[in-house]
């Protein structure tokens, strides 16, 4: 088997494994590799399908092939631990003790967090907590008050 990648020729069977650093030429020759859509988050063309979801190896984004994309204007719905919809400016309460990274202490159950801001990252909530300062929280550990 011969694969041309980036103006280099790699052949299997010579005692060396078949490998290449970029697959741009191979991707143009293989119609199955271009069948997947580009990643909606980072626009990477190197997406693949696994267990019914599209995956991006560059930014680790996963999305459903059946998800409807509307010109990038889709808004994510954030829900707390009990399923209530969260909005910017809401007041929430922490539902379990949370250890802070760096040995900064523990946020206790029932700590109220006022004026939250919702962000699209791995921690959904940016906020300021009295006595602790600015931090990010996951929405699964809070309850809307």
Protein backbone atom coordinates (compact mmCIF):
# COMPACT_ATOMS: atom_id res chain seq x y z
CA UNK A 1 0.00 0.00 0.00
CA UNK A 2 1.34 3.44 -0.95
CA UNK A 3 0.21 6.74 0.51
CA UNK A 4 1.38 10.15 -0.68
CA UNK A 5 1.29 12.79 2.04
CA UNK A 6 2.87 16.24 1.90
CA UNK A 7 5.03 15.42 -1.12
CA UNK A 8 6.50 12.37 0.71
CA UNK A 9 5.99 8.75 -0.21
CA UNK A 10 5.50 6.19 2.56
CA UNK A 11 5.18 2.48 1.83
CA UNK A 12 4.29 -0.35 4.15
CA UNK A 13 6.12 -3.65 4.07
CA UNK A 14 9.66 -2.23 4.33
CA UNK A 15 9.94 -2.96 8.04
CA UNK A 16 8.62 0.49 8.90
CA UNK A 17 5.05 1.19 9.95
CA UNK A 18 2.88 3.15 7.59
CA UNK A 19 2.64 6.67 8.94
CA UNK A 20 2.57 10.29 7.84
CA UNK A 21 2.27 13.62 9.63
CA UNK A 22 -0.33 15.24 7.40
CA UNK A 23 -3.03 13.55 5.38
CA UNK A 24 -3.90 16.40 3.04
CA UNK A 25 -3.14 14.54 -0.21
CA UNK A 26 -4.60 11.25 1.07
CA UNK A 27 -7.71 13.06 2.25
CA UNK A 28 -8.30 14.47 -1.24
CA UNK A 29 -7.93 11.00 -2.76
CA UNK A 30 -10.23 9.26 -0.25
CA UNK A 31 -13.88 10.36 -0.59
CA UNK A 32 -14.82 8.85 2.79
CA UNK A 33 -12.58 11.17 4.81
CA UNK A 34 -14.31 14.30 3.53
CA UNK A 35 -17.81 12.94 4.25
CA UNK A 36 -17.80 14.39 7.78
CA UNK A 37 -18.52 18.07 8.41
CA UNK A 38 -15.89 20.44 9.76
CA UNK A 39 -15.89 21.08 13.50
CA UNK A 40 -18.35 23.89 14.32
CA UNK A 41 -16.14 25.16 17.16
CA UNK A 42 -12.65 25.29 15.56
CA UNK A 43 -13.44 24.54 11.87
CA UNK A 44 -11.00 21.60 11.82
CA UNK A 45 -11.49 19.27 8.81
CA UNK A 46 -10.20 16.23 10.77
CA UNK A 47 -13.49 15.16 12.34
CA UNK A 48 -14.57 11.55 12.82
CA UNK A 49 -17.64 9.65 14.01
CA UNK A 50 -17.73 7.56 17.19
CA UNK A 51 -20.86 6.00 18.75
CA UNK A 52 -23.21 8.21 16.76
CA UNK A 53 -21.45 11.49 17.60
CA UNK A 54 -19.05 13.59 15.55
CA UNK A 55 -15.74 14.28 17.34
CA UNK A 56 -12.96 16.79 16.76
CA UNK A 57 -9.47 15.58 17.75
CA UNK A 58 -8.07 19.12 17.87
CA UNK A 59 -10.47 20.81 20.33
CA UNK A 60 -12.22 17.69 21.77
CA UNK A 61 -15.66 19.01 20.77
CA UNK A 62 -18.47 16.43 20.37
CA UNK A 63 -21.75 17.09 18.60
CA UNK A 64 -24.69 15.15 17.27
CA UNK A 65 -25.02 14.71 13.50
CA UNK A 66 -28.75 15.38 13.93
CA UNK A 67 -28.25 18.71 15.72
CA UNK A 68 -29.73 21.62 13.80
CA UNK A 69 -27.28 24.47 13.24
CA UNK A 70 -28.81 27.84 12.41
CA UNK A 71 -26.08 30.16 11.07
CA UNK A 72 -24.21 29.99 14.39
CA UNK A 73 -26.99 31.85 16.26
CA UNK A 74 -27.97 28.89 18.42
CA UNK A 75 -27.98 29.61 22.13
CA UNK A 76 -27.15 26.99 24.69
CA UNK A 77 -29.65 26.42 27.48
CA UNK A 78 -28.02 26.17 30.89
CA UNK A 79 -29.77 24.15 33.60
CA UNK A 80 -29.00 23.77 37.29
CA UNK A 81 -28.84 20.50 39.26
CA UNK A 82 -32.64 20.18 39.47
CA UNK A 83 -33.35 21.19 35.87
CA UNK A 84 -34.32 24.86 36.28
CA UNK A 85 -33.17 27.12 33.44
CA UNK A 86 -30.39 29.55 34.44
CA UNK A 87 -30.03 33.10 33.09
CA UNK A 88 -27.39 35.81 33.44
CA UNK A 89 -27.82 37.72 36.71
CA UNK A 90 -29.55 34.89 38.61
CA UNK A 91 -28.78 34.02 42.23
CA UNK A 92 -27.84 30.40 42.87
CA UNK A 93 -26.95 28.27 45.87
CA UNK A 94 -24.22 25.60 46.00
CA UNK A 95 -25.65 22.10 46.60
CA UNK A 96 -22.53 20.26 47.80
CA UNK A 97 -19.18 21.07 49.39
CA UNK A 98 -16.70 22.03 46.68
CA UNK A 99 -12.95 21.86 47.28
CA UNK A 100 -11.06 24.70 45.65
CA UNK A 101 -7.93 24.02 43.61
CA UNK A 102 -4.68 25.18 45.14
CA UNK A 103 -5.73 24.51 48.72
CA UNK A 104 -7.89 27.63 48.87
CA UNK A 105 -10.47 26.07 51.15
CA UNK A 106 -13.95 24.67 50.68
CA UNK A 107 -17.17 26.24 49.43
CA UNK A 108 -19.86 24.99 51.81
CA UNK A 109 -23.35 23.75 50.97
CA UNK A 110 -25.82 26.60 50.83
CA UNK A 111 -23.32 29.32 49.87
CA UNK A 112 -25.26 31.90 47.84
CA UNK A 113 -23.78 33.23 44.63
CA UNK A 114 -25.34 36.42 43.30
CA UNK A 115 -25.27 37.87 39.79
CA UNK A 116 -23.90 34.89 37.86
CA UNK A 117 -22.65 35.15 34.28
CA UNK A 118 -23.12 32.18 31.92
CA UNK A 119 -20.21 31.35 29.62
CA UNK A 120 -19.62 28.68 26.98
CA UNK A 121 -16.75 26.68 28.47
CA UNK A 122 -16.26 23.56 30.57
CA UNK A 123 -17.32 25.52 33.70
CA UNK A 124 -20.64 27.16 32.79
CA UNK A 125 -20.81 29.91 35.42
CA UNK A 126 -18.44 32.83 36.10
CA UNK A 127 -19.10 34.60 39.39
CA UNK A 128 -17.66 36.39 42.40
CA UNK A 129 -18.12 34.83 45.83
CA UNK A 130 -17.66 36.91 48.97
CA UNK A 131 -14.51 35.80 50.78
CA UNK A 132 -13.24 33.75 47.82
CA UNK A 133 -13.17 36.14 44.84
CA UNK A 134 -13.80 35.42 41.17
CA UNK A 135 -14.21 31.80 40.09
CA UNK A 136 -15.91 29.47 37.65
CA UNK A 137 -18.47 26.84 38.64
CA UNK A 138 -20.22 23.99 36.87
CA UNK A 139 -23.98 24.35 36.64
CA UNK A 140 -24.50 20.79 37.92
CA UNK A 141 -23.36 21.89 41.42
CA UNK A 142 -25.76 24.82 41.86
CA UNK A 143 -29.48 25.30 42.43
CA UNK A 144 -31.44 28.39 41.40
CA UNK A 145 -32.78 30.35 44.39
